[in-house]
Amino acid sequence: MRYNEKELQALSRQPAELAAELGMRGPKKGSVVKRRLVKLVVNFLFYFRTDEAEPVGALLLEHCKVAQEEPSGFSISFVEDPERKYRFECHSEEQCQEWIGALRRASYEFMRRSLIFYRNEIQKVTGKDPLEQFGISEEARFQLSGLQA
């Protein structure tokens, strides 16, 4: 995936859906827990040193699994390398659940499934494809339908 570093930095400055100072441990064996400011912006999870304005790194939340690790901790791993986990420690179990829910909703995959679900529900109620009112071509509707599989 290609990205422009300046655009990514600009995105990191946007208002966050969720932000907090959390304990974070990287995927390397023997890594220690470090306090990081963690910000969820769209489908990127940015992490910052607590005294710096530029992010140390970012995780693109696609093809990943978010799992609760302990009562107040969660991990993020990716499909292509499930053993490589980023671990986060929250201040409470409630905060942990809030982060897990927000991270799971942040992916394009979740948004796509939601769109398909609501499109089908609207069609059941109205008998019409809601995408027709927006002038979406037959080909585009077919492609969206193909994503249901």
Protein backbone atom coordinates (compact mmCIF):
# COMPACT_ATOMS: atom_id res chain seq x y z
CA MET A 1 0.00 0.00 0.00
CA ARG A 2 1.31 3.41 -0.91
CA TYR A 3 0.76 6.46 1.22
CA ASN A 4 1.95 10.01 1.38
CA GLU A 5 3.69 10.70 4.70
CA LYS A 6 2.46 14.32 4.85
CA GLU A 7 -1.14 13.24 4.23
CA LEU A 8 -0.84 10.59 6.93
CA GLN A 9 0.53 13.17 9.39
CA ALA A 10 -2.31 15.55 8.48
CA LEU A 11 -4.81 12.74 9.09
CA SER A 12 -3.26 12.10 12.51
CA ARG A 13 -4.13 15.70 13.48
CA GLN A 14 -7.83 15.29 12.63
CA PRO A 15 -10.38 14.93 15.42
CA ALA A 16 -10.31 11.41 16.80
CA GLU A 17 -13.25 9.07 17.24
CA LEU A 18 -11.45 7.92 20.38
CA ALA A 19 -8.20 8.98 22.04
CA ALA A 20 -6.50 8.09 25.31
CA GLU A 21 -3.16 7.49 26.94
CA LEU A 22 -2.73 3.71 27.03
CA GLY A 23 0.00 1.24 27.76
CA MET A 24 1.30 -0.20 24.50
CA ARG A 25 3.61 -3.09 23.74
CA GLY A 26 4.86 -3.67 20.21
CA PRO A 27 5.00 -7.03 18.47
CA LYS A 28 8.72 -7.65 19.02
CA LYS A 29 9.59 -10.32 21.57
CA GLY A 30 10.75 -8.78 24.82
CA SER A 31 9.22 -5.38 24.10
CA VAL A 32 8.15 -3.47 27.20
CA VAL A 33 4.95 -1.56 27.89
CA LYS A 34 5.27 2.13 27.05
CA ARG A 35 2.77 4.91 27.68
CA ARG A 36 1.44 6.19 24.36
CA LEU A 37 -1.25 8.62 23.30
CA VAL A 38 -3.41 6.45 21.05
CA LYS A 39 -5.85 8.05 18.56
CA LEU A 40 -8.41 6.36 16.34
CA VAL A 41 -9.00 8.42 13.19
CA VAL A 42 -11.20 6.81 10.53
CA ASN A 43 -9.55 3.40 10.04
CA PHE A 44 -6.07 4.30 11.31
CA LEU A 45 -4.82 3.85 14.84
CA PHE A 46 -2.09 6.41 15.46
CA TYR A 47 0.23 6.23 18.43
CA PHE A 48 2.36 9.07 19.77
CA ARG A 49 4.97 9.55 22.45
CA THR A 50 3.15 11.44 25.17
CA ASP A 51 5.33 14.54 24.70
CA GLU A 52 5.39 14.71 20.87
CA ALA A 53 2.96 16.00 18.26
CA GLU A 54 3.99 13.70 15.40
CA PRO A 55 2.95 10.05 15.49
CA VAL A 56 5.52 7.36 16.18
CA GLY A 57 3.50 4.99 14.04
CA ALA A 58 0.11 4.03 12.67
CA LEU A 59 -1.82 0.81 12.18
CA LEU A 60 -4.22 0.48 9.26
CA LEU A 61 -7.20 -1.37 10.72
CA GLU A 62 -7.95 -3.65 7.79
CA HIS A 63 -7.74 -7.44 7.76
CA CYS A 64 -7.07 -7.39 11.48
CA LYS A 65 -8.43 -9.06 14.57
CA VAL A 66 -9.12 -7.14 17.77
CA ALA A 67 -9.31 -9.37 20.84
CA GLN A 68 -9.62 -8.87 24.56
CA GLU A 69 -6.47 -10.18 26.23
CA GLU A 70 -7.27 -9.66 29.90
CA PRO A 71 -9.95 -7.70 31.75
CA SER A 72 -8.45 -4.34 30.83
CA GLY A 73 -6.28 -5.16 27.82
CA PHE A 74 -6.73 -5.87 24.14
CA SER A 75 -4.59 -6.84 21.18
CA ILE A 76 -4.54 -6.18 17.47
CA SER A 77 -3.16 -8.79 15.10
CA PHE A 78 -3.27 -9.02 11.33
CA VAL A 79 -4.51 -11.86 9.10
CA GLU A 80 -1.21 -12.21 7.26
CA ASP A 81 0.77 -12.62 10.53
CA PRO A 82 -1.54 -13.53 13.47
CA GLU A 83 1.33 -14.22 15.87
CA ARG A 84 2.54 -10.61 15.59
CA LYS A 85 0.38 -8.73 18.09
CA TYR A 86 0.25 -5.18 19.32
CA ARG A 87 -1.00 -5.17 22.92
CA PHE A 88 -2.71 -2.30 24.72
CA GLU A 89 -3.47 -1.78 28.40
CA CYS A 90 -6.45 0.37 29.39
CA HIS A 91 -7.25 1.97 32.76
CA SER A 92 -10.43 -0.10 33.21
CA GLU A 93 -12.43 -2.92 31.70
CA GLU A 94 -15.07 -0.40 30.56
CA GLN A 95 -12.44 1.63 28.68
CA CYS A 96 -11.15 -1.60 27.13
CA GLN A 97 -14.63 -2.54 25.87
CA GLU A 98 -15.08 0.96 24.43
CA TRP A 99 -11.81 0.64 22.50
CA ILE A 100 -12.58 -2.87 21.24
CA GLY A 101 -15.98 -1.78 19.93
CA ALA A 102 -14.62 1.35 18.25
CA LEU A 103 -11.73 -0.52 16.63
CA ARG A 104 -14.02 -3.23 15.25
CA ARG A 105 -16.35 -0.61 13.74
CA ALA A 106 -13.47 1.35 12.18
CA SER A 107 -12.61 -1.00 9.32
CA TYR A 108 -13.79 -0.66 5.75
CA GLU A 109 -14.94 -4.29 5.96
CA PHE A 110 -17.34 -3.45 8.82
CA MET A 111 -18.68 -0.40 6.98
CA ARG A 112 -19.22 -2.46 3.81
CA ARG A 113 -21.11 -5.20 5.69
CA SER A 114 -23.24 -2.54 7.40
CA LEU A 115 -24.05 -0.88 4.07
CA ILE A 116 -25.12 -4.20 2.56
CA PHE A 117 -27.22 -5.08 5.62
CA TYR A 118 -29.05 -1.73 5.69
CA ARG A 119 -29.49 -1.73 1.92
CA ASN A 120 -31.22 -5.12 2.16
CA GLU A 121 -33.37 -4.03 5.13
CA ILE A 122 -34.54 -0.89 3.30
CA GLN A 123 -35.30 -2.94 0.20
CA LYS A 124 -37.42 -5.37 2.28
CA VAL A 125 -39.48 -2.52 3.72
CA THR A 126 -39.86 -0.33 0.61
CA GLY A 127 -39.53 -2.88 -2.18
CA LYS A 128 -36.99 -0.60 -3.86
CA ASP A 129 -33.23 -0.59 -4.01
CA PRO A 130 -32.19 2.56 -2.07
CA LEU A 131 -29.17 2.99 -4.34
CA GLU A 132 -31.48 3.69 -7.32
CA GLN A 133 -32.49 7.08 -5.90
CA PHE A 134 -28.86 8.20 -6.03
CA GLY A 135 -28.47 7.35 -9.71
CA ILE A 136 -25.99 4.55 -9.07
CA SER A 137 -25.51 2.59 -12.26
CA GLU A 138 -26.75 -0.95 -12.73
CA GLU A 139 -23.13 -2.09 -13.01
CA ALA A 140 -22.20 -0.49 -9.67
CA ARG A 141 -25.26 -2.05 -7.97
CA PHE A 142 -24.25 -5.43 -9.42
CA GLN A 143 -20.70 -5.01 -8.08
CA LEU A 144 -22.05 -4.10 -4.64
CA SER A 145 -24.34 -7.14 -4.73
CA GLY A 146 -21.33 -9.26 -5.65
CA LEU A 147 -19.61 -8.09 -2.47
CA GLN A 148 -22.26 -9.86 -0.43
CA ALA A 149 -20.71 -13.25 -1.08
